[in-house]
Amino acid sequence: MATAGHLAAQGLAQTEAAQAARRLRSKKTRRSLQRGGVTYAREARHMAQEREEDDVHKAQAALNRAKAKEHRKEKLEWQPIVRLAKGRLAQEKKQRAQRERQMKAICRQIHRKVAIVF
C-alpha cells in the first residue's frame, strides 16, 4: 500500500513538472524573425540571441531610469535639510571668524598695555 501511494506521488510530481514545462514553453514568444527569403537555423539562432540581448539592454535601461528617478526623488526630499545644514555651518563659520577677530583685537590691546608698563 505504501508503494502505491509513493508511486502516485511520483506520478503527480512528474505531471506537475510537465505542466510547468508546457506553461514555460507557451510563455515564450513566437515572434517572426524574418519576412520572406530563406533563414538558416544558425541565422535564426543568432537573430533570436540578438533580440534577447536587446531585450536585456532595454530592461537594464528601464531599471537605470527607475533608479535615477528614485535617486532624484530622494535628493528632493533631502534638499531642504541639506540647505538648512549648510546655512547653519556657514553661520557657525562666520561666528567663529568674528570671535577670532575679537580675540586678536583683545590680544593686541593686552600687548600694547604690557608694552607700556615695561
PDB file of N, CA and C in Angstrom:
ATOM      1  N   MET A   1       0.823  -1.187   0.000  1.00  0.00           N
ATOM      2  CA  MET A   1       0.000   0.000   0.000  1.00  0.00           C
ATOM      3  C   MET A   1       0.869   1.254   0.000  1.00  0.00           C
ATOM      4  N   ALA A   2       1.968   1.200   0.752  1.00  0.00           N
ATOM      5  CA  ALA A   2       2.861   2.357   0.826  1.00  0.00           C
ATOM      6  C   ALA A   2       3.493   2.621  -0.528  1.00  0.00           C
ATOM      7  N   THR A   3       3.789   1.587  -1.280  1.00  0.00           N
ATOM      8  CA  THR A   3       4.409   1.790  -2.586  1.00  0.00           C
ATOM      9  C   THR A   3       3.425   2.396  -3.568  1.00  0.00           C
ATOM     10  N   ALA A   4       2.154   2.055  -3.448  1.00  0.00           N
ATOM     11  CA  ALA A   4       1.155   2.624  -4.349  1.00  0.00           C
ATOM     12  C   ALA A   4       1.022   4.128  -4.105  1.00  0.00           C
ATOM     13  N   GLY A   5       1.046   4.526  -2.847  1.00  0.00           N
ATOM     14  CA  GLY A   5       0.986   5.955  -2.511  1.00  0.00           C
ATOM     15  C   GLY A   5       2.225   6.683  -2.992  1.00  0.00           C
ATOM     16  N   HIS A   6       3.371   6.018  -2.851  1.00  0.00           N
ATOM     17  CA  HIS A   6       4.629   6.602  -3.304  1.00  0.00           C
ATOM     18  C   HIS A   6       4.616   6.779  -4.822  1.00  0.00           C
ATOM     19  N   LEU A   7       4.139   5.760  -5.530  1.00  0.00           N
ATOM     20  CA  LEU A   7       4.059   5.834  -6.993  1.00  0.00           C
ATOM     21  C   LEU A   7       3.087   6.925  -7.429  1.00  0.00           C
ATOM     22  N   ALA A   8       1.987   7.060  -6.713  1.00  0.00           N
ATOM     23  CA  ALA A   8       1.007   8.098  -7.051  1.00  0.00           C
ATOM     24  C   ALA A   8       1.617   9.486  -6.856  1.00  0.00           C
ATOM     25  N   ALA A   9       2.355   9.651  -5.770  1.00  0.00           N
ATOM     26  CA  ALA A   9       3.002  10.942  -5.510  1.00  0.00           C
ATOM     27  C   ALA A   9       4.037  11.247  -6.579  1.00  0.00           C
ATOM     28  N   GLN A  10       4.797  10.223  -6.984  1.00  0.00           N
ATOM     29  CA  GLN A  10       5.791  10.398  -8.039  1.00  0.00           C
ATOM     30  C   GLN A  10       5.123  10.788  -9.352  1.00  0.00           C
ATOM     31  N   GLY A  11       4.054  10.116  -9.682  1.00  0.00           N
ATOM     32  CA  GLY A  11       3.320  10.416 -10.912  1.00  0.00           C
ATOM     33  C   GLY A  11       2.776  11.837 -10.895  1.00  0.00           C
ATOM     34  N   LEU A  12       2.263  12.261  -9.754  1.00  0.00           N
ATOM     35  CA  LEU A  12       1.750  13.620  -9.615  1.00  0.00           C
ATOM     36  C   LEU A  12       2.867  14.645  -9.803  1.00  0.00           C
ATOM     37  N   ALA A  13       4.018  14.379  -9.227  1.00  0.00           N
ATOM     38  CA  ALA A  13       5.163  15.293  -9.362  1.00  0.00           C
ATOM     39  C   ALA A  13       5.592  15.402 -10.822  1.00  0.00           C
ATOM     40  N   GLN A  14       5.627  14.277 -11.517  1.00  0.00           N
ATOM     41  CA  GLN A  14       6.017  14.293 -12.934  1.00  0.00           C
ATOM     42  C   GLN A  14       4.990  15.055 -13.764  1.00  0.00           C
ATOM     43  N   THR A  15       3.725  14.852 -13.462  1.00  0.00           N
ATOM     44  CA  THR A  15       2.664  15.552 -14.191  1.00  0.00           C
ATOM     45  C   THR A  15       2.778  17.059 -13.965  1.00  0.00           C
ATOM     46  N   GLU A  16       2.991  17.461 -12.706  1.00  0.00           N
ATOM     47  CA  GLU A  16       3.135  18.892 -12.418  1.00  0.00           C
ATOM     48  C   GLU A  16       4.352  19.475 -13.106  1.00  0.00           C
ATOM     49  N   ALA A  17       5.458  18.726 -13.150  1.00  0.00           N
ATOM     50  CA  ALA A  17       6.668  19.203 -13.823  1.00  0.00           C
ATOM     51  C   ALA A  17       6.410  19.363 -15.318  1.00  0.00           C
ATOM     52  N   ALA A  18       5.692  18.423 -15.896  1.00  0.00           N
ATOM     53  CA  ALA A  18       5.375  18.510 -17.328  1.00  0.00           C
ATOM     54  C   ALA A  18       4.478  19.710 -17.609  1.00  0.00           C
ATOM     55  N   GLN A  19       3.511  19.953 -16.734  1.00  0.00           N
ATOM     56  CA  GLN A  19       2.636  21.111 -16.909  1.00  0.00           C
ATOM     57  C   GLN A  19       3.411  22.420 -16.783  1.00  0.00           C
ATOM     58  N   ALA A  20       4.329  22.463 -15.841  1.00  0.00           N
ATOM     59  CA  ALA A  20       5.147  23.673 -15.669  1.00  0.00           C
ATOM     60  C   ALA A  20       6.003  23.912 -16.906  1.00  0.00           C
ATOM     61  N   ALA A  21       6.587  22.847 -17.447  1.00  0.00           N
ATOM     62  CA  ALA A  21       7.403  22.971 -18.661  1.00  0.00           C
ATOM     63  C   ALA A  21       6.539  23.438 -19.827  1.00  0.00           C
ATOM     64  N   ARG A  22       5.322  22.919 -19.938  1.00  0.00           N
ATOM     65  CA  ARG A  22       4.413  23.325 -21.004  1.00  0.00           C
ATOM     66  C   ARG A  22       4.065  24.811 -20.886  1.00  0.00           C
ATOM     67  N   ARG A  23       3.770  25.244 -19.650  1.00  0.00           N
ATOM     68  CA  ARG A  23       3.468  26.665 -19.436  1.00  0.00           C
ATOM     69  C   ARG A  23       4.648  27.544 -19.813  1.00  0.00           C
ATOM     70  N   LEU A  24       5.849  27.095 -19.462  1.00  0.00           N
ATOM     71  CA  LEU A  24       7.052  27.859 -19.781  1.00  0.00           C
ATOM     72  C   LEU A  24       7.236  27.970 -21.293  1.00  0.00           C
ATOM     73  N   ARG A  25       7.034  26.872 -21.994  1.00  0.00           N
ATOM     74  CA  ARG A  25       7.165  26.903 -23.460  1.00  0.00           C
ATOM     75  C   ARG A  25       6.112  27.790 -24.096  1.00  0.00           C
ATOM     76  N   SER A  26       4.909  27.768 -23.553  1.00  0.00           N
ATOM     77  CA  SER A  26       3.841  28.564 -24.153  1.00  0.00           C
ATOM     78  C   SER A  26       4.038  30.055 -23.873  1.00  0.00           C
ATOM     79  N   LYS A  27       4.754  30.387 -22.802  1.00  0.00           N
ATOM     80  CA  LYS A  27       5.009  31.791 -22.497  1.00  0.00           C
ATOM     81  C   LYS A  27       6.029  32.405 -23.442  1.00  0.00           C
ATOM     82  N   LYS A  28       6.910  31.594 -23.995  1.00  0.00           N
ATOM     83  CA  LYS A  28       7.916  32.120 -24.913  1.00  0.00           C
ATOM     84  C   LYS A  28       7.215  32.720 -26.127  1.00  0.00           C
ATOM     85  N   THR A  29       7.776  33.805 -26.597  1.00  0.00           N
ATOM     86  CA  THR A  29       7.152  34.466 -27.741  1.00  0.00           C
ATOM     87  C   THR A  29       7.492  33.712 -29.021  1.00  0.00           C
ATOM     88  N   ARG A  30       6.568  33.777 -29.932  1.00  0.00           N
ATOM     89  CA  ARG A  30       6.777  33.150 -31.237  1.00  0.00           C
ATOM     90  C   ARG A  30       6.834  34.256 -32.277  1.00  0.00           C
ATOM     91  N   ARG A  31       7.777  35.169 -32.066  1.00  0.00           N
ATOM     92  CA  ARG A  31       7.900  36.300 -32.977  1.00  0.00           C
ATOM     93  C   ARG A  31       8.556  35.863 -34.280  1.00  0.00           C
ATOM     94  N   SER A  32       8.189  36.542 -35.325  1.00  0.00           N
ATOM     95  CA  SER A  32       8.773  36.264 -36.632  1.00  0.00           C
ATOM     96  C   SER A  32      10.157  36.892 -36.686  1.00  0.00           C
ATOM     97  N   LEU A  33      11.121  36.142 -37.178  1.00  0.00           N
ATOM     98  CA  LEU A  33      12.486  36.645 -37.269  1.00  0.00           C
ATOM     99  C   LEU A  33      12.744  37.347 -38.600  1.00  0.00           C
ATOM    100  N   GLN A  34      12.073  36.907 -39.617  1.00  0.00           N
ATOM    101  CA  GLN A  34      12.351  37.443 -40.944  1.00  0.00           C
ATOM    102  C   GLN A  34      11.119  37.294 -41.819  1.00  0.00           C
ATOM    103  N   ARG A  35      10.948  38.228 -42.745  1.00  0.00           N
ATOM    104  CA  ARG A  35       9.827  38.145 -43.681  1.00  0.00           C
ATOM    105  C   ARG A  35      10.375  37.814 -45.059  1.00  0.00           C
ATOM    106  N   GLY A  36      10.003  36.701 -45.547  1.00  0.00           N
ATOM    107  CA  GLY A  36      10.435  36.302 -46.878  1.00  0.00           C
ATOM    108  C   GLY A  36      11.874  35.816 -46.899  1.00  0.00           C
ATOM    109  N   GLY A  37      12.215  35.049 -47.886  1.00  0.00           N
ATOM    110  CA  GLY A  37      13.582  34.571 -48.032  1.00  0.00           C
ATOM    111  C   GLY A  37      13.852  33.341 -47.184  1.00  0.00           C
ATOM    112  N   VAL A  38      15.066  32.848 -47.335  1.00  0.00           N
ATOM    113  CA  VAL A  38      15.472  31.635 -46.628  1.00  0.00           C
ATOM    114  C   VAL A  38      16.191  32.030 -45.346  1.00  0.00           C
ATOM    115  N   THR A  39      15.845  31.375 -44.272  1.00  0.00           N
ATOM    116  CA  THR A  39      16.512  31.605 -42.994  1.00  0.00           C
ATOM    117  C   THR A  39      17.131  30.289 -42.549  1.00  0.00           C
ATOM    118  N   TYR A  40      18.420  30.305 -42.348  1.00  0.00           N
ATOM    119  CA  TYR A  40      19.107  29.119 -41.858  1.00  0.00           C
ATOM    120  C   TYR A  40      19.004  29.080 -40.333  1.00  0.00           C
ATOM    121  N   ALA A  41      19.148  27.900 -39.795  1.00  0.00           N
ATOM    122  CA  ALA A  41      18.977  27.722 -38.347  1.00  0.00           C
ATOM    123  C   ALA A  41      19.973  28.574 -37.566  1.00  0.00           C
ATOM    124  N   ARG A  42      21.237  28.604 -38.007  1.00  0.00           N
ATOM    125  CA  ARG A  42      22.243  29.380 -37.261  1.00  0.00           C
ATOM    126  C   ARG A  42      21.915  30.870 -37.311  1.00  0.00           C
ATOM    127  N   GLU A  43      21.376  31.335 -38.466  1.00  0.00           N
ATOM    128  CA  GLU A  43      20.977  32.741 -38.568  1.00  0.00           C
ATOM    129  C   GLU A  43      19.804  33.039 -37.644  1.00  0.00           C
ATOM    130  N   ALA A  44      18.862  32.106 -37.609  1.00  0.00           N
ATOM    131  CA  ALA A  44      17.692  32.289 -36.746  1.00  0.00           C
ATOM    132  C   ALA A  44      18.111  32.323 -35.275  1.00  0.00           C
ATOM    133  N   ARG A  45      19.026  31.421 -34.897  1.00  0.00           N
ATOM    134  CA  ARG A  45      19.517  31.421 -33.516  1.00  0.00           C
ATOM    135  C   ARG A  45      20.226  32.739 -33.205  1.00  0.00           C
ATOM    136  N   HIS A  46      21.023  33.208 -34.163  1.00  0.00           N
ATOM    137  CA  HIS A  46      21.750  34.469 -33.972  1.00  0.00           C
ATOM    138  C   HIS A  46      20.770  35.641 -33.835  1.00  0.00           C
ATOM    139  N   MET A  47      19.742  35.665 -34.694  1.00  0.00           N
ATOM    140  CA  MET A  47      18.738  36.732 -34.619  1.00  0.00           C
ATOM    141  C   MET A  47      17.998  36.695 -33.279  1.00  0.00           C
ATOM    142  N   ALA A  48      17.642  35.495 -32.855  1.00  0.00           N
ATOM    143  CA  ALA A  48      16.921  35.356 -31.582  1.00  0.00           C
ATOM    144  C   ALA A  48      17.813  35.807 -30.427  1.00  0.00           C
ATOM    145  N   GLN A  49      19.098  35.462 -30.490  1.00  0.00           N
ATOM    146  CA  GLN A  49      20.027  35.873 -29.441  1.00  0.00           C
ATOM    147  C   GLN A  49      20.175  37.392 -29.414  1.00  0.00           C
ATOM    148  N   GLU A  50      20.255  38.018 -30.588  1.00  0.00           N
ATOM    149  CA  GLU A  50      20.360  39.478 -30.653  1.00  0.00           C
ATOM    150  C   GLU A  50      19.117  40.136 -30.069  1.00  0.00           C
ATOM    151  N   ARG A  51      17.950  39.583 -30.403  1.00  0.00           N
ATOM    152  CA  ARG A  51      16.702  40.125 -29.845  1.00  0.00           C
ATOM    153  C   ARG A  51      16.688  40.003 -28.331  1.00  0.00           C
ATOM    154  N   GLU A  52      17.135  38.855 -27.841  1.00  0.00           N
ATOM    155  CA  GLU A  52      17.160  38.652 -26.399  1.00  0.00           C
ATOM    156  C   GLU A  52      18.128  39.641 -25.742  1.00  0.00           C
ATOM    157  N   GLU A  53      19.291  39.854 -26.368  1.00  0.00           N
ATOM    158  CA  GLU A  53      20.253  40.819 -25.833  1.00  0.00           C
ATOM    159  C   GLU A  53      19.664  42.226 -25.851  1.00  0.00           C
ATOM    160  N   ASP A  54      18.954  42.552 -26.930  1.00  0.00           N
ATOM    161  CA  ASP A  54      18.299  43.860 -26.994  1.00  0.00           C
ATOM    162  C   ASP A  54      17.271  44.015 -25.878  1.00  0.00           C
ATOM    163  N   ASP A  55      16.515  42.951 -25.641  1.00  0.00           N
ATOM    164  CA  ASP A  55      15.529  42.989 -24.561  1.00  0.00           C
ATOM    165  C   ASP A  55      16.208  43.190 -23.210  1.00  0.00           C
ATOM    166  N   VAL A  56      17.348  42.530 -23.024  1.00  0.00           N
ATOM    167  CA  VAL A  56      18.096  42.687 -21.770  1.00  0.00           C
ATOM    168  C   VAL A  56      18.582  44.124 -21.639  1.00  0.00           C
ATOM    169  N   HIS A  57      19.113  44.687 -22.742  1.00  0.00           N
ATOM    170  CA  HIS A  57      19.581  46.074 -22.705  1.00  0.00           C
ATOM    171  C   HIS A  57      18.432  47.038 -22.406  1.00  0.00           C
ATOM    172  N   LYS A  58      17.275  46.786 -23.007  1.00  0.00           N
ATOM    173  CA  LYS A  58      16.118  47.640 -22.748  1.00  0.00           C
ATOM    174  C   LYS A  58      15.682  47.539 -21.296  1.00  0.00           C
ATOM    175  N   ALA A  59      15.676  46.326 -20.760  1.00  0.00           N
ATOM    176  CA  ALA A  59      15.291  46.146 -19.360  1.00  0.00           C
ATOM    177  C   ALA A  59      16.294  46.830 -18.438  1.00  0.00           C
ATOM    178  N   GLN A  60      17.595  46.719 -18.781  1.00  0.00           N
ATOM    179  CA  GLN A  60      18.629  47.370 -17.968  1.00  0.00           C
ATOM    180  C   GLN A  60      18.465  48.891 -18.018  1.00  0.00           C
ATOM    181  N   ALA A  61      18.169  49.426 -19.211  1.00  0.00           N
ATOM    182  CA  ALA A  61      17.964  50.868 -19.342  1.00  0.00           C
ATOM    183  C   ALA A  61      16.752  51.319 -18.521  1.00  0.00           C
ATOM    184  N   ALA A  62      15.682  50.527 -18.556  1.00  0.00           N
ATOM    185  CA  ALA A  62      14.492  50.863 -17.767  1.00  0.00           C
ATOM    186  C   ALA A  62      14.810  50.830 -16.271  1.00  0.00           C
ATOM    187  N   LEU A  63      15.595  49.855 -15.853  1.00  0.00           N
ATOM    188  CA  LEU A  63      15.996  49.773 -14.450  1.00  0.00           C
ATOM    189  C   LEU A  63      16.842  50.980 -14.064  1.00  0.00           C
ATOM    190  N   ASN A  64      17.781  51.359 -14.934  1.00  0.00           N
ATOM    191  CA  ASN A  64      18.623  52.527 -14.658  1.00  0.00           C
ATOM    192  C   ASN A  64      17.787  53.797 -14.557  1.00  0.00           C
ATOM    193  N   ARG A  65      16.792  53.935 -15.447  1.00  0.00           N
ATOM    194  CA  ARG A  65      15.915  55.103 -15.378  1.00  0.00           C
ATOM    195  C   ARG A  65      15.131  55.122 -14.064  1.00  0.00           C
ATOM    196  N   ALA A  66      14.641  53.961 -13.656  1.00  0.00           N
ATOM    197  CA  ALA A  66      13.879  53.885 -12.405  1.00  0.00           C
ATOM    198  C   ALA A  66      14.771  54.230 -11.209  1.00  0.00           C
ATOM    199  N   LYS A  67      16.022  53.745 -11.223  1.00  0.00           N
ATOM    200  CA  LYS A  67      16.947  54.059 -10.133  1.00  0.00           C
ATOM    201  C   LYS A  67      17.251  55.549 -10.107  1.00  0.00           C
ATOM    202  N   ALA A  68      17.462  56.141 -11.296  1.00  0.00           N
ATOM    203  CA  ALA A  68      17.751  57.575 -11.361  1.00  0.00           C
ATOM    204  C   ALA A  68      16.556  58.386 -10.853  1.00  0.00           C
ATOM    205  N   LYS A  69      15.363  57.959 -11.205  1.00  0.00           N
ATOM    206  CA  LYS A  69      14.157  58.652 -10.742  1.00  0.00           C
ATOM    207  C   LYS A  69      14.052  58.583  -9.223  1.00  0.00           C
ATOM    208  N   GLU A  70      14.325  57.408  -8.669  1.00  0.00           N
ATOM    209  CA  GLU A  70      14.281  57.239  -7.218  1.00  0.00           C
ATOM    210  C   GLU A  70      15.352  58.103  -6.549  1.00  0.00           C
ATOM    211  N   HIS A  71      16.532  58.164  -7.159  1.00  0.00           N
ATOM    212  CA  HIS A  71      17.615  58.990  -6.610  1.00  0.00           C
ATOM    213  C   HIS A  71      17.218  60.464  -6.616  1.00  0.00           C
ATOM    214  N   ARG A  72      16.612  60.920  -7.721  1.00  0.00           N
ATOM    215  CA  ARG A  72      16.168  62.318  -7.788  1.00  0.00           C
ATOM    216  C   ARG A  72      15.108  62.602  -6.718  1.00  0.00           C
ATOM    217  N   LYS A  73      14.215  61.641  -6.523  1.00  0.00           N
ATOM    218  CA  LYS A  73      13.159  61.803  -5.519  1.00  0.00           C
ATOM    219  C   LYS A  73      13.769  61.926  -4.120  1.00  0.00           C
ATOM    220  N   GLU A  74      14.725  61.052  -3.810  1.00  0.00           N
ATOM    221  CA  GLU A  74      15.393  61.114  -2.504  1.00  0.00           C
ATOM    222  C   GLU A  74      16.146  62.432  -2.349  1.00  0.00           C
ATOM    223  N   LYS A  75      16.776  62.866  -3.425  1.00  0.00           N
ATOM    224  CA  LYS A  75      17.539  64.119  -3.383  1.00  0.00           C
ATOM    225  C   LYS A  75      16.609  65.292  -3.090  1.00  0.00           C
ATOM    226  N   LEU A  76      15.442  65.298  -3.710  1.00  0.00           N
ATOM    227  CA  LEU A  76      14.475  66.362  -3.458  1.00  0.00           C
ATOM    228  C   LEU A  76      13.975  66.338  -2.014  1.00  0.00           C
ATOM    229  N   GLU A  77      13.837  65.139  -1.453  1.00  0.00           N
ATOM    230  CA  GLU A  77      13.389  65.034  -0.070  1.00  0.00           C
ATOM    231  C   GLU A  77      14.439  65.569   0.900  1.00  0.00           C
ATOM    232  N   TRP A  78      15.714  65.344   0.597  1.00  0.00           N
ATOM    233  CA  TRP A  78      16.793  65.748   1.486  1.00  0.00           C
ATOM    234  C   TRP A  78      17.261  67.180   1.259  1.00  0.00           C
ATOM    235  N   GLN A  79      16.898  67.775   0.120  1.00  0.00           N
ATOM    236  CA  GLN A  79      17.395  69.102  -0.227  1.00  0.00           C
ATOM    237  C   GLN A  79      17.130  70.154   0.858  1.00  0.00           C
ATOM    238  N   PRO A  80      15.929  70.280   1.396  1.00  0.00           N
ATOM    239  CA  PRO A  80      15.700  71.292   2.437  1.00  0.00           C
ATOM    240  C   PRO A  80      16.577  71.068   3.674  1.00  0.00           C
ATOM    241  N   ILE A  81      16.754  69.819   4.045  1.00  0.00           N
ATOM    242  CA  ILE A  81      17.571  69.512   5.214  1.00  0.00           C
ATOM    243  C   ILE A  81      19.022  69.894   4.956  1.00  0.00           C
ATOM    244  N   VAL A  82      19.510  69.581   3.776  1.00  0.00           N
ATOM    245  CA  VAL A  82      20.893  69.914   3.423  1.00  0.00           C
ATOM    246  C   VAL A  82      21.078  71.426   3.388  1.00  0.00           C
ATOM    247  N   ARG A  83      20.106  72.132   2.833  1.00  0.00           N
ATOM    248  CA  ARG A  83      20.194  73.597   2.803  1.00  0.00           C
ATOM    249  C   ARG A  83      20.286  74.175   4.214  1.00  0.00           C
ATOM    250  N   LEU A  84      19.441  73.672   5.115  1.00  0.00           N
ATOM    251  CA  LEU A  84      19.481  74.143   6.498  1.00  0.00           C
ATOM    252  C   LEU A  84      20.838  73.860   7.140  1.00  0.00           C
ATOM    253  N   ALA A  85      21.353  72.669   6.903  1.00  0.00           N
ATOM    254  CA  ALA A  85      22.637  72.298   7.493  1.00  0.00           C
ATOM    255  C   ALA A  85      23.757  73.187   6.940  1.00  0.00           C
ATOM    256  N   LYS A  86      23.747  73.433   5.633  1.00  0.00           N
ATOM    257  CA  LYS A  86      24.771  74.294   5.041  1.00  0.00           C
ATOM    258  C   LYS A  86      24.663  75.717   5.579  1.00  0.00           C
ATOM    259  N   GLY A  87      23.444  76.200   5.708  1.00  0.00           N
ATOM    260  CA  GLY A  87      23.241  77.544   6.255  1.00  0.00           C
ATOM    261  C   GLY A  87      23.752  77.647   7.680  1.00  0.00           C
ATOM    262  N   ARG A  88      23.475  76.618   8.459  1.00  0.00           N
ATOM    263  CA  ARG A  88      23.933  76.605   9.854  1.00  0.00           C
ATOM    264  C   ARG A  88      25.456  76.552   9.921  1.00  0.00           C
ATOM    265  N   LEU A  89      26.081  75.752   9.064  1.00  0.00           N
ATOM    266  CA  LEU A  89      27.535  75.683   9.042  1.00  0.00           C
ATOM    267  C   LEU A  89      28.148  77.023   8.647  1.00  0.00           C
ATOM    268  N   ALA A  90      27.559  77.675   7.664  1.00  0.00           N
ATOM    269  CA  ALA A  90      28.064  78.980   7.242  1.00  0.00           C
ATOM    270  C   ALA A  90      27.930  79.990   8.380  1.00  0.00           C
ATOM    271  N   GLN A  91      26.809  79.932   9.086  1.00  0.00           N
ATOM    272  CA  GLN A  91      26.576  80.837  10.216  1.00  0.00           C
ATOM    273  C   GLN A  91      27.616  80.591  11.317  1.00  0.00           C
ATOM    274  N   GLU A  92      27.877  79.323  11.621  1.00  0.00           N
ATOM    275  CA  GLU A  92      28.881  78.995  12.632  1.00  0.00           C
ATOM    276  C   GLU A  92      30.267  79.455  12.203  1.00  0.00           C
ATOM    277  N   LYS A  93      30.574  79.333  10.929  1.00  0.00           N
ATOM    278  CA  LYS A  93      31.875  79.761  10.409  1.00  0.00           C
ATOM    279  C   LYS A  93      32.037  81.273  10.574  1.00  0.00           C
ATOM    280  N   LYS A  94      30.981  82.024  10.272  1.00  0.00           N
ATOM    281  CA  LYS A  94      31.027  83.483  10.447  1.00  0.00           C
ATOM    282  C   LYS A  94      31.223  83.840  11.914  1.00  0.00           C
ATOM    283  N   GLN A  95      30.504  83.157  12.795  1.00  0.00           N
ATOM    284  CA  GLN A  95      30.621  83.430  14.228  1.00  0.00           C
ATOM    285  C   GLN A  95      32.028  83.113  14.731  1.00  0.00           C
ATOM    286  N   ARG A  96      32.593  82.011  14.246  1.00  0.00           N
ATOM    287  CA  ARG A  96      33.942  81.630  14.649  1.00  0.00           C
ATOM    288  C   ARG A  96      34.955  82.677  14.190  1.00  0.00           C
ATOM    289  N   ALA A  97      34.815  83.141  12.945  1.00  0.00           N
ATOM    290  CA  ALA A  97      35.717  84.170  12.423  1.00  0.00           C
ATOM    291  C   ALA A  97      35.576  85.464  13.217  1.00  0.00           C
ATOM    292  N   GLN A  98      34.346  85.800  13.577  1.00  0.00           N
ATOM    293  CA  GLN A  98      34.113  87.014  14.368  1.00  0.00           C
ATOM    294  C   GLN A  98      34.769  86.890  15.743  1.00  0.00           C
ATOM    295  N   ARG A  99      34.643  85.738  16.378  1.00  0.00           N
ATOM    296  CA  ARG A  99      35.282  85.515  17.681  1.00  0.00           C
ATOM    297  C   ARG A  99      36.803  85.614  17.569  1.00  0.00           C
ATOM    298  N   GLU A 100      37.352  85.052  16.495  1.00  0.00           N
ATOM    299  CA  GLU A 100      38.806  85.122  16.298  1.00  0.00           C
ATOM    300  C   GLU A 100      39.266  86.567  16.128  1.00  0.00           C
ATOM    301  N   ARG A 101      38.514  87.356  15.375  1.00  0.00           N
ATOM    302  CA  ARG A 101      38.866  88.773  15.205  1.00  0.00           C
ATOM    303  C   ARG A 101      38.812  89.506  16.545  1.00  0.00           C
ATOM    304  N   GLN A 102      37.781  89.206  17.330  1.00  0.00           N
ATOM    305  CA  GLN A 102      37.669  89.834  18.643  1.00  0.00           C
ATOM    306  C   GLN A 102      38.832  89.434  19.547  1.00  0.00           C
ATOM    307  N   MET A 103      39.196  88.145  19.505  1.00  0.00           N
ATOM    308  CA  MET A 103      40.307  87.675  20.333  1.00  0.00           C
ATOM    309  C   MET A 103      41.618  88.342  19.917  1.00  0.00           C
ATOM    310  N   LYS A 104      41.829  88.509  18.612  1.00  0.00           N
ATOM    311  CA  LYS A 104      43.041  89.175  18.138  1.00  0.00           C
ATOM    312  C   LYS A 104      43.077  90.623  18.615  1.00  0.00           C
ATOM    313  N   ALA A 105      41.931  91.269  18.540  1.00  0.00           N
ATOM    314  CA  ALA A 105      41.869  92.668  18.984  1.00  0.00           C
ATOM    315  C   ALA A 105      42.169  92.763  20.481  1.00  0.00           C
ATOM    316  N   ILE A 106      41.619  91.872  21.256  1.00  0.00           N
ATOM    317  CA  ILE A 106      41.869  91.860  22.699  1.00  0.00           C
ATOM    318  C   ILE A 106      43.351  91.590  22.964  1.00  0.00           C
ATOM    319  N   CYS A 107      43.934  90.643  22.244  1.00  0.00           N
ATOM    320  CA  CYS A 107      45.353  90.329  22.424  1.00  0.00           C
ATOM    321  C   CYS A 107      46.229  91.530  22.079  1.00  0.00           C
ATOM    322  N   ARG A 108      45.886  92.256  21.035  1.00  0.00           N
ATOM    323  CA  ARG A 108      46.655  93.457  20.657  1.00  0.00           C
ATOM    324  C   ARG A 108      46.604  94.489  21.776  1.00  0.00           C
ATOM    325  N   GLN A 109      45.407  94.687  22.322  1.00  0.00           N
ATOM    326  CA  GLN A 109      45.266  95.660  23.415  1.00  0.00           C
ATOM    327  C   GLN A 109      46.097  95.247  24.624  1.00  0.00           C
ATOM    328  N   ILE A 110      46.080  93.949  24.929  1.00  0.00           N
ATOM    329  CA  ILE A 110      46.859  93.466  26.072  1.00  0.00           C
ATOM    330  C   ILE A 110      48.342  93.675  25.815  1.00  0.00           C
ATOM    331  N   HIS A 111      48.826  93.390  24.624  1.00  0.00           N
ATOM    332  CA  HIS A 111      50.244  93.566  24.286  1.00  0.00           C
ATOM    333  C   HIS A 111      50.646  95.038  24.379  1.00  0.00           C
ATOM    334  N   ARG A 112      49.749  95.920  23.933  1.00  0.00           N
ATOM    335  CA  ARG A 112      50.049  97.349  23.998  1.00  0.00           C
ATOM    336  C   ARG A 112      50.187  97.801  25.461  1.00  0.00           C
ATOM    337  N   LYS A 113      49.242  97.325  26.305  1.00  0.00           N
ATOM    338  CA  LYS A 113      49.297  97.717  27.718  1.00  0.00           C
ATOM    339  C   LYS A 113      50.510  97.145  28.414  1.00  0.00           C
ATOM    340  N   VAL A 114      50.888  95.912  28.062  1.00  0.00           N
ATOM    341  CA  VAL A 114      52.066  95.300  28.649  1.00  0.00           C
ATOM    342  C   VAL A 114      53.319  96.043  28.181  1.00  0.00           C
ATOM    343  N   ALA A 115      53.347  96.460  26.918  1.00  0.00           N
ATOM    344  CA  ALA A 115      54.499  97.199  26.392  1.00  0.00           C
ATOM    345  C   ALA A 115      54.624  98.555  27.065  1.00  0.00           C
ATOM    346  N   ILE A 116      53.511  99.164  27.406  1.00  0.00           N
ATOM    347  CA  ILE A 116      53.554 100.479  28.077  1.00  0.00           C
ATOM    348  C   ILE A 116      54.083 100.323  29.492  1.00  0.00           C
ATOM    349  N   VAL A 117      53.749  99.271  30.173  1.00  0.00           N
ATOM    350  CA  VAL A 117      54.161  99.042  31.553  1.00  0.00           C
ATOM    351  C   VAL A 117      55.677  98.809  31.606  1.00  0.00           C
ATOM    352  N   PHE A 118      56.232  98.107  30.677  1.00  0.00           N
ATOM    353  CA  PHE A 118      57.667  97.815  30.716  1.00  0.00           C
ATOM    354  C   PHE A 118      58.390  98.838  29.979  1.00  0.00           C
TER     355      PHE A 118
END
